[in-house]
């Protein structure tokens, strides 16, 4: 059985993988709708999903920089 927490995890994954601006509410809603999320799921889990997706994107950028031998922002 899929729990609400599982659905939020899926939202986070969609938002992290997408190239949409996480500050653009219309774009975020469009991405989540196209991924099959319902209005109710978005109403209840959007804030958490956005917060976690922002965190994941930052971590991905840092790890990508480390893999390339550079520390982002170190100049």
PDB file of N, CA and C in Angstrom:
ATOM      1  N   UNK A   1       0.842  -1.181   0.000  1.00  0.00           N
ATOM      2  CA  UNK A   1       0.000   0.000   0.000  1.00  0.00           C
ATOM      3  C   UNK A   1       0.887   1.244   0.000  1.00  0.00           C
ATOM      4  N   UNK A   2       0.573   2.176  -0.860  1.00  0.00           N
ATOM      5  CA  UNK A   2       1.331   3.416  -0.972  1.00  0.00           C
ATOM      6  C   UNK A   2       0.802   4.415   0.045  1.00  0.00           C
ATOM      7  N   UNK A   3       1.708   4.955   0.847  1.00  0.00           N
ATOM      8  CA  UNK A   3       1.317   5.934   1.856  1.00  0.00           C
ATOM      9  C   UNK A   3       1.468   7.352   1.308  1.00  0.00           C
ATOM     10  N   UNK A   4       0.912   8.305   2.032  1.00  0.00           N
ATOM     11  CA  UNK A   4       1.052   9.700   1.629  1.00  0.00           C
ATOM     12  C   UNK A   4       2.519  10.104   1.627  1.00  0.00           C
ATOM     13  N   UNK A   5       3.271   9.623   2.580  1.00  0.00           N
ATOM     14  CA  UNK A   5       4.701   9.914   2.647  1.00  0.00           C
ATOM     15  C   UNK A   5       5.422   9.421   1.392  1.00  0.00           C
ATOM     16  N   UNK A   6       5.013   8.265   0.898  1.00  0.00           N
ATOM     17  CA  UNK A   6       5.587   7.742  -0.344  1.00  0.00           C
ATOM     18  C   UNK A   6       5.285   8.666  -1.513  1.00  0.00           C
ATOM     19  N   UNK A   7       4.064   9.192  -1.552  1.00  0.00           N
ATOM     20  CA  UNK A   7       3.683  10.110  -2.634  1.00  0.00           C
ATOM     21  C   UNK A   7       4.483  11.409  -2.562  1.00  0.00           C
ATOM     22  N   UNK A   8       4.738  11.896  -1.339  1.00  0.00           N
ATOM     23  CA  UNK A   8       5.564  13.098  -1.190  1.00  0.00           C
ATOM     24  C   UNK A   8       6.983  12.801  -1.679  1.00  0.00           C
ATOM     25  N   UNK A   9       7.503  11.626  -1.351  1.00  0.00           N
ATOM     26  CA  UNK A   9       8.827  11.234  -1.838  1.00  0.00           C
ATOM     27  C   UNK A   9       8.871  11.250  -3.367  1.00  0.00           C
ATOM     28  N   UNK A  10       7.812  10.779  -3.997  1.00  0.00           N
ATOM     29  CA  UNK A  10       7.743  10.786  -5.461  1.00  0.00           C
ATOM     30  C   UNK A  10       7.681  12.214  -6.005  1.00  0.00           C
ATOM     31  N   UNK A  11       6.953  13.095  -5.308  1.00  0.00           N
ATOM     32  CA  UNK A  11       6.912  14.502  -5.715  1.00  0.00           C
ATOM     33  C   UNK A  11       8.302  15.116  -5.646  1.00  0.00           C
ATOM     34  N   UNK A  12       9.014  14.817  -4.571  1.00  0.00           N
ATOM     35  CA  UNK A  12      10.375  15.334  -4.404  1.00  0.00           C
ATOM     36  C   UNK A  12      11.237  14.871  -5.576  1.00  0.00           C
ATOM     37  N   UNK A  13      11.144  13.598  -5.914  1.00  0.00           N
ATOM     38  CA  UNK A  13      11.923  13.071  -7.030  1.00  0.00           C
ATOM     39  C   UNK A  13      11.605  13.769  -8.337  1.00  0.00           C
ATOM     40  N   UNK A  14      10.338  13.983  -8.618  1.00  0.00           N
ATOM     41  CA  UNK A  14       9.934  14.676  -9.846  1.00  0.00           C
ATOM     42  C   UNK A  14      10.489  16.093  -9.880  1.00  0.00           C
ATOM     43  N   UNK A  15      10.364  16.798  -8.773  1.00  0.00           N
ATOM     44  CA  UNK A  15      10.827  18.188  -8.735  1.00  0.00           C
ATOM     45  C   UNK A  15      12.344  18.277  -8.790  1.00  0.00           C
ATOM     46  N   UNK A  16      13.030  17.339  -8.175  1.00  0.00           N
ATOM     47  CA  UNK A  16      14.496  17.351  -8.191  1.00  0.00           C
ATOM     48  C   UNK A  16      15.011  17.090  -9.597  1.00  0.00           C
ATOM     49  N   UNK A  17      14.393  16.147 -10.296  1.00  0.00           N
ATOM     50  CA  UNK A  17      14.822  15.797 -11.659  1.00  0.00           C
ATOM     51  C   UNK A  17      14.445  16.849 -12.698  1.00  0.00           C
ATOM     52  N   UNK A  18      13.369  17.566 -12.449  1.00  0.00           N
ATOM     53  CA  UNK A  18      12.910  18.542 -13.446  1.00  0.00           C
ATOM     54  C   UNK A  18      13.847  19.746 -13.465  1.00  0.00           C
ATOM     55  N   UNK A  19      13.758  20.493 -14.540  1.00  0.00           N
ATOM     56  CA  UNK A  19      14.572  21.706 -14.643  1.00  0.00           C
ATOM     57  C   UNK A  19      13.753  22.953 -14.345  1.00  0.00           C
ATOM     58  N   UNK A  20      12.547  22.763 -13.821  1.00  0.00           N
ATOM     59  CA  UNK A  20      11.677  23.913 -13.568  1.00  0.00           C
ATOM     60  C   UNK A  20      12.211  24.749 -12.407  1.00  0.00           C
ATOM     61  N   UNK A  21      11.855  26.018 -12.444  1.00  0.00           N
ATOM     62  CA  UNK A  21      12.192  26.948 -11.369  1.00  0.00           C
ATOM     63  C   UNK A  21      11.278  26.629 -10.185  1.00  0.00           C
ATOM     64  N   UNK A  22      11.857  26.203  -9.078  1.00  0.00           N
ATOM     65  CA  UNK A  22      11.053  25.814  -7.922  1.00  0.00           C
ATOM     66  C   UNK A  22      10.349  27.006  -7.272  1.00  0.00           C
ATOM     67  N   UNK A  23      10.719  28.210  -7.656  1.00  0.00           N
ATOM     68  CA  UNK A  23      10.053  29.403  -7.153  1.00  0.00           C
ATOM     69  C   UNK A  23       8.855  29.814  -8.000  1.00  0.00           C
ATOM     70  N   UNK A  24       8.680  29.168  -9.141  1.00  0.00           N
ATOM     71  CA  UNK A  24       7.571  29.472 -10.039  1.00  0.00           C
ATOM     72  C   UNK A  24       6.439  28.481  -9.776  1.00  0.00           C
ATOM     73  N   UNK A  25       5.456  28.921  -9.006  1.00  0.00           N
ATOM     74  CA  UNK A  25       4.361  28.042  -8.588  1.00  0.00           C
ATOM     75  C   UNK A  25       3.616  27.396  -9.741  1.00  0.00           C
ATOM     76  N   UNK A  26       3.367  28.161 -10.798  1.00  0.00           N
ATOM     77  CA  UNK A  26       2.640  27.604 -11.945  1.00  0.00           C
ATOM     78  C   UNK A  26       3.431  26.487 -12.614  1.00  0.00           C
ATOM     79  N   UNK A  27       4.709  26.692 -12.754  1.00  0.00           N
ATOM     80  CA  UNK A  27       5.561  25.681 -13.384  1.00  0.00           C
ATOM     81  C   UNK A  27       5.645  24.418 -12.528  1.00  0.00           C
ATOM     82  N   UNK A  28       5.772  24.603 -11.230  1.00  0.00           N
ATOM     83  CA  UNK A  28       5.825  23.461 -10.305  1.00  0.00           C
ATOM     84  C   UNK A  28       4.530  22.653 -10.395  1.00  0.00           C
ATOM     85  N   UNK A  29       3.398  23.329 -10.376  1.00  0.00           N
ATOM     86  CA  UNK A  29       2.105  22.653 -10.471  1.00  0.00           C
ATOM     87  C   UNK A  29       1.994  21.920 -11.805  1.00  0.00           C
ATOM     88  N   UNK A  30       2.442  22.546 -12.886  1.00  0.00           N
ATOM     89  CA  UNK A  30       2.395  21.916 -14.204  1.00  0.00           C
ATOM     90  C   UNK A  30       3.210  20.626 -14.227  1.00  0.00           C
ATOM     91  N   UNK A  31       4.417  20.676 -13.651  1.00  0.00           N
ATOM     92  CA  UNK A  31       5.284  19.488 -13.605  1.00  0.00           C
ATOM     93  C   UNK A  31       4.614  18.377 -12.806  1.00  0.00           C
ATOM     94  N   UNK A  32       4.067  18.716 -11.647  1.00  0.00           N
ATOM     95  CA  UNK A  32       3.452  17.694 -10.803  1.00  0.00           C
ATOM     96  C   UNK A  32       2.168  17.137 -11.425  1.00  0.00           C
ATOM     97  N   UNK A  33       1.387  18.001 -12.062  1.00  0.00           N
ATOM     98  CA  UNK A  33       0.169  17.512 -12.740  1.00  0.00           C
ATOM     99  C   UNK A  33       0.538  16.545 -13.858  1.00  0.00           C
ATOM    100  N   UNK A  34       1.561  16.904 -14.637  1.00  0.00           N
ATOM    101  CA  UNK A  34       1.955  16.041 -15.752  1.00  0.00           C
ATOM    102  C   UNK A  34       2.512  14.711 -15.251  1.00  0.00           C
ATOM    103  N   UNK A  35       2.973  14.680 -14.007  1.00  0.00           N
ATOM    104  CA  UNK A  35       3.469  13.432 -13.405  1.00  0.00           C
ATOM    105  C   UNK A  35       2.353  12.620 -12.768  1.00  0.00           C
ATOM    106  N   UNK A  36       1.127  13.161 -12.777  1.00  0.00           N
ATOM    107  CA  UNK A  36      -0.021  12.406 -12.297  1.00  0.00           C
ATOM    108  C   UNK A  36      -0.432  12.650 -10.860  1.00  0.00           C
ATOM    109  N   UNK A  37       0.078  13.710 -10.252  1.00  0.00           N
ATOM    110  CA  UNK A  37      -0.316  14.009  -8.879  1.00  0.00           C
ATOM    111  C   UNK A  37      -1.648  14.755  -8.862  1.00  0.00           C
ATOM    112  N   UNK A  38      -2.451  14.475  -7.850  1.00  0.00           N
ATOM    113  CA  UNK A  38      -3.766  15.094  -7.734  1.00  0.00           C
ATOM    114  C   UNK A  38      -3.672  16.436  -7.015  1.00  0.00           C
ATOM    115  N   UNK A  39      -4.721  17.220  -7.156  1.00  0.00           N
ATOM    116  CA  UNK A  39      -4.778  18.508  -6.460  1.00  0.00           C
ATOM    117  C   UNK A  39      -4.675  18.303  -4.945  1.00  0.00           C
ATOM    118  N   UNK A  40      -5.341  17.287  -4.436  1.00  0.00           N
ATOM    119  CA  UNK A  40      -5.318  17.018  -2.998  1.00  0.00           C
ATOM    120  C   UNK A  40      -3.900  16.681  -2.531  1.00  0.00           C
ATOM    121  N   UNK A  41      -3.193  15.857  -3.285  1.00  0.00           N
ATOM    122  CA  UNK A  41      -1.811  15.520  -2.918  1.00  0.00           C
ATOM    123  C   UNK A  41      -0.938  16.765  -2.920  1.00  0.00           C
ATOM    124  N   UNK A  42      -1.120  17.605  -3.928  1.00  0.00           N
ATOM    125  CA  UNK A  42      -0.314  18.826  -4.005  1.00  0.00           C
ATOM    126  C   UNK A  42      -0.664  19.784  -2.874  1.00  0.00           C
ATOM    127  N   UNK A  43      -1.946  19.913  -2.562  1.00  0.00           N
ATOM    128  CA  UNK A  43      -2.354  20.794  -1.462  1.00  0.00           C
ATOM    129  C   UNK A  43      -1.716  20.359  -0.146  1.00  0.00           C
ATOM    130  N   UNK A  44      -1.660  19.067   0.073  1.00  0.00           N
ATOM    131  CA  UNK A  44      -1.188  18.563   1.361  1.00  0.00           C
ATOM    132  C   UNK A  44       0.336  18.419   1.436  1.00  0.00           C
ATOM    133  N   UNK A  45       1.000  18.143   0.317  1.00  0.00           N
ATOM    134  CA  UNK A  45       2.420  17.820   0.395  1.00  0.00           C
ATOM    135  C   UNK A  45       3.364  18.730  -0.346  1.00  0.00           C
ATOM    136  N   UNK A  46       2.831  19.785  -0.968  1.00  0.00           N
ATOM    137  CA  UNK A  46       3.675  20.623  -1.815  1.00  0.00           C
ATOM    138  C   UNK A  46       4.783  21.335  -1.047  1.00  0.00           C
ATOM    139  N   UNK A  47       4.464  21.912   0.081  1.00  0.00           N
ATOM    140  CA  UNK A  47       5.483  22.664   0.841  1.00  0.00           C
ATOM    141  C   UNK A  47       6.665  21.769   1.215  1.00  0.00           C
ATOM    142  N   UNK A  48       6.372  20.588   1.744  1.00  0.00           N
ATOM    143  CA  UNK A  48       7.445  19.670   2.121  1.00  0.00           C
ATOM    144  C   UNK A  48       8.221  19.220   0.893  1.00  0.00           C
ATOM    145  N   UNK A  49       7.512  18.917  -0.189  1.00  0.00           N
ATOM    146  CA  UNK A  49       8.174  18.461  -1.404  1.00  0.00           C
ATOM    147  C   UNK A  49       9.105  19.533  -1.963  1.00  0.00           C
ATOM    148  N   UNK A  50       8.657  20.782  -1.959  1.00  0.00           N
ATOM    149  CA  UNK A  50       9.497  21.875  -2.454  1.00  0.00           C
ATOM    150  C   UNK A  50      10.751  22.055  -1.601  1.00  0.00           C
ATOM    151  N   UNK A  51      10.565  22.025  -0.301  1.00  0.00           N
ATOM    152  CA  UNK A  51      11.699  22.189   0.602  1.00  0.00           C
ATOM    153  C   UNK A  51      12.741  21.084   0.384  1.00  0.00           C
ATOM    154  N   UNK A  52      12.273  19.867   0.308  1.00  0.00           N
ATOM    155  CA  UNK A  52      13.184  18.743   0.125  1.00  0.00           C
ATOM    156  C   UNK A  52      13.824  18.745  -1.258  1.00  0.00           C
ATOM    157  N   UNK A  53      13.077  19.157  -2.294  1.00  0.00           N
ATOM    158  CA  UNK A  53      13.632  19.216  -3.648  1.00  0.00           C
ATOM    159  C   UNK A  53      14.726  20.281  -3.731  1.00  0.00           C
ATOM    160  N   UNK A  54      14.514  21.420  -3.087  1.00  0.00           N
ATOM    161  CA  UNK A  54      15.557  22.459  -3.065  1.00  0.00           C
ATOM    162  C   UNK A  54      16.819  21.926  -2.390  1.00  0.00           C
ATOM    163  N   UNK A  55      16.638  21.251  -1.267  1.00  0.00           N
ATOM    164  CA  UNK A  55      17.758  20.669  -0.542  1.00  0.00           C
ATOM    165  C   UNK A  55      18.486  19.637  -1.412  1.00  0.00           C
ATOM    166  N   UNK A  56      17.735  18.777  -2.087  1.00  0.00           N
ATOM    167  CA  UNK A  56      18.339  17.750  -2.946  1.00  0.00           C
ATOM    168  C   UNK A  56      19.104  18.367  -4.098  1.00  0.00           C
ATOM    169  N   UNK A  57      18.554  19.422  -4.701  1.00  0.00           N
ATOM    170  CA  UNK A  57      19.260  20.086  -5.806  1.00  0.00           C
ATOM    171  C   UNK A  57      20.573  20.701  -5.332  1.00  0.00           C
ATOM    172  N   UNK A  58      20.561  21.306  -4.161  1.00  0.00           N
ATOM    173  CA  UNK A  58      21.789  21.893  -3.619  1.00  0.00           C
ATOM    174  C   UNK A  58      22.822  20.798  -3.360  1.00  0.00           C
ATOM    175  N   UNK A  59      22.389  19.704  -2.744  1.00  0.00           N
ATOM    176  CA  UNK A  59      23.310  18.590  -2.493  1.00  0.00           C
ATOM    177  C   UNK A  59      23.863  18.023  -3.793  1.00  0.00           C
ATOM    178  N   UNK A  60      23.022  17.867  -4.803  1.00  0.00           N
ATOM    179  CA  UNK A  60      23.475  17.349  -6.093  1.00  0.00           C
ATOM    180  C   UNK A  60      24.523  18.265  -6.716  1.00  0.00           C
ATOM    181  N   UNK A  61      24.303  19.572  -6.613  1.00  0.00           N
ATOM    182  CA  UNK A  61      25.255  20.534  -7.168  1.00  0.00           C
ATOM    183  C   UNK A  61      26.591  20.468  -6.434  1.00  0.00           C
ATOM    184  N   UNK A  62      26.542  20.338  -5.125  1.00  0.00           N
ATOM    185  CA  UNK A  62      27.770  20.240  -4.340  1.00  0.00           C
ATOM    186  C   UNK A  62      28.519  18.960  -4.692  1.00  0.00           C
ATOM    187  N   UNK A  63      27.805  17.852  -4.748  1.00  0.00           N
ATOM    188  CA  UNK A  63      28.451  16.577  -5.077  1.00  0.00           C
ATOM    189  C   UNK A  63      29.013  16.584  -6.488  1.00  0.00           C
ATOM    190  N   UNK A  64      28.325  17.207  -7.421  1.00  0.00           N
ATOM    191  CA  UNK A  64      28.832  17.306  -8.791  1.00  0.00           C
ATOM    192  C   UNK A  64      30.123  18.121  -8.824  1.00  0.00           C
ATOM    193  N   UNK A  65      30.168  19.177  -8.034  1.00  0.00           N
ATOM    194  CA  UNK A  65      31.386  19.983  -7.957  1.00  0.00           C
ATOM    195  C   UNK A  65      32.538  19.222  -7.341  1.00  0.00           C
ATOM    196  N   UNK A  66      32.250  18.446  -6.316  1.00  0.00           N
ATOM    197  CA  UNK A  66      33.301  17.655  -5.680  1.00  0.00           C
ATOM    198  C   UNK A  66      33.830  16.583  -6.622  1.00  0.00           C
ATOM    199  N   UNK A  67      32.945  15.977  -7.398  1.00  0.00           N
ATOM    200  CA  UNK A  67      33.358  14.944  -8.335  1.00  0.00           C
ATOM    201  C   UNK A  67      34.241  15.536  -9.427  1.00  0.00           C
ATOM    202  N   UNK A  68      34.012  16.813  -9.735  1.00  0.00           N
ATOM    203  CA  UNK A  68      34.809  17.496 -10.752  1.00  0.00           C
ATOM    204  C   UNK A  68      36.093  18.076 -10.200  1.00  0.00           C
ATOM    205  N   UNK A  69      36.354  17.868  -8.922  1.00  0.00           N
ATOM    206  CA  UNK A  69      37.589  18.374  -8.332  1.00  0.00           C
ATOM    207  C   UNK A  69      37.511  19.805  -7.850  1.00  0.00           C
ATOM    208  N   UNK A  70      36.333  20.390  -7.881  1.00  0.00           N
ATOM    209  CA  UNK A  70      36.178  21.781  -7.458  1.00  0.00           C
ATOM    210  C   UNK A  70      35.181  21.855  -6.318  1.00  0.00           C
ATOM    211  N   UNK A  71      35.378  22.811  -5.454  1.00  0.00           N
ATOM    212  CA  UNK A  71      34.399  23.098  -4.411  1.00  0.00           C
ATOM    213  C   UNK A  71      33.619  24.311  -4.865  1.00  0.00           C
ATOM    214  N   UNK A  72      32.302  24.170  -5.093  1.00  0.00           N
ATOM    215  CA  UNK A  72      31.520  25.311  -5.580  1.00  0.00           C
ATOM    216  C   UNK A  72      31.637  26.517  -4.633  1.00  0.00           C
ATOM    217  N   UNK A  73      31.941  27.644  -5.204  1.00  0.00           N
ATOM    218  CA  UNK A  73      32.018  28.866  -4.431  1.00  0.00           C
ATOM    219  C   UNK A  73      33.398  29.130  -3.821  1.00  0.00           C
ATOM    220  N   UNK A  74      34.316  28.214  -3.988  1.00  0.00           N
ATOM    221  CA  UNK A  74      35.653  28.414  -3.422  1.00  0.00           C
ATOM    222  C   UNK A  74      36.536  29.086  -4.462  1.00  0.00           C
ATOM    223  N   UNK A  75      36.731  30.372  -4.289  1.00  0.00           N
ATOM    224  CA  UNK A  75      37.565  31.098  -5.249  1.00  0.00           C
ATOM    225  C   UNK A  75      38.506  32.011  -4.519  1.00  0.00           C
TER     226      UNK A  75
END
